[in-house]
Amino acid sequence: MAGLRNFSISCLRLAGRENIASALRLFASDWHHPLNLLGI
């Protein structure tokens, strides 16, 4: 589980997100956001 969290944080940083905590809350609230980030 920690590996998945680290992967998601790394993806957010590569995408240019500055506020990681806010981005994680946004991604947890709607499953479309992570898929869009990954290009799926």
C-alpha atoms as a PDB file:
ATOM      1  CA  MET A   1       0.000   0.000   0.000  1.00  0.00           C
ATOM      2  CA  ALA A   2       2.839   2.360   0.788  1.00  0.00           C
ATOM      3  CA  GLY A   3       4.301   1.682  -2.634  1.00  0.00           C
ATOM      4  CA  LEU A   4       1.055   2.693  -4.339  1.00  0.00           C
ATOM      5  CA  ARG A   5       0.915   5.896  -2.300  1.00  0.00           C
ATOM      6  CA  ASN A   6       4.523   6.713  -3.200  1.00  0.00           C
ATOM      7  CA  PHE A   7       3.758   6.041  -6.860  1.00  0.00           C
ATOM      8  CA  SER A   8       0.755   8.366  -6.789  1.00  0.00           C
ATOM      9  CA  ILE A   9       2.738  11.125  -5.065  1.00  0.00           C
ATOM     10  CA  SER A  10       5.509  10.779  -7.643  1.00  0.00           C
ATOM     11  CA  CYS A  11       2.977  11.037 -10.468  1.00  0.00           C
ATOM     12  CA  LEU A  12       1.512  14.181  -8.924  1.00  0.00           C
ATOM     13  CA  ARG A  13       4.949  15.756  -8.624  1.00  0.00           C
ATOM     14  CA  LEU A  14       5.771  14.893 -12.235  1.00  0.00           C
ATOM     15  CA  ALA A  15       2.462  16.456 -13.281  1.00  0.00           C
ATOM     16  CA  GLY A  16       3.492  19.713 -11.603  1.00  0.00           C
ATOM     17  CA  ARG A  17       1.184  19.672  -8.595  1.00  0.00           C
ATOM     18  CA  GLU A  18       2.566  21.845  -5.815  1.00  0.00           C
ATOM     19  CA  ASN A  19       0.130  20.991  -3.027  1.00  0.00           C
ATOM     20  CA  ILE A  20       0.315  17.204  -2.730  1.00  0.00           C
ATOM     21  CA  ALA A  21      -2.146  16.920   0.163  1.00  0.00           C
ATOM     22  CA  SER A  22      -4.803  18.873  -1.707  1.00  0.00           C
ATOM     23  CA  ALA A  23      -4.247  16.842  -4.863  1.00  0.00           C
ATOM     24  CA  LEU A  24      -4.546  13.558  -2.941  1.00  0.00           C
ATOM     25  CA  ARG A  25      -7.853  14.692  -1.447  1.00  0.00           C
ATOM     26  CA  LEU A  26      -9.107  15.670  -4.902  1.00  0.00           C
ATOM     27  CA  PHE A  27      -8.036  12.353  -6.387  1.00  0.00           C
ATOM     28  CA  ALA A  28      -9.642  10.414  -3.525  1.00  0.00           C
ATOM     29  CA  SER A  29     -12.956  12.185  -4.063  1.00  0.00           C
ATOM     30  CA  ASP A  30     -13.325  11.366  -7.765  1.00  0.00           C
ATOM     31  CA  TRP A  31     -11.814   8.356  -9.534  1.00  0.00           C
ATOM     32  CA  HIS A  32     -11.714  10.135 -12.908  1.00  0.00           C
ATOM     33  CA  HIS A  33      -8.871  12.438 -11.869  1.00  0.00           C
ATOM     34  CA  PRO A  34      -6.182   9.753 -11.382  1.00  0.00           C
ATOM     35  CA  LEU A  35      -7.147   8.074 -14.648  1.00  0.00           C
ATOM     36  CA  ASN A  36      -6.856  11.360 -16.514  1.00  0.00           C
ATOM     37  CA  LEU A  37      -3.434  11.964 -14.989  1.00  0.00           C
ATOM     38  CA  LEU A  38      -2.271   8.544 -16.213  1.00  0.00           C
ATOM     39  CA  GLY A  39      -3.810   9.102 -19.641  1.00  0.00           C
ATOM     40  CA  ILE A  40      -6.309   6.277 -19.363  1.00  0.00           C
END
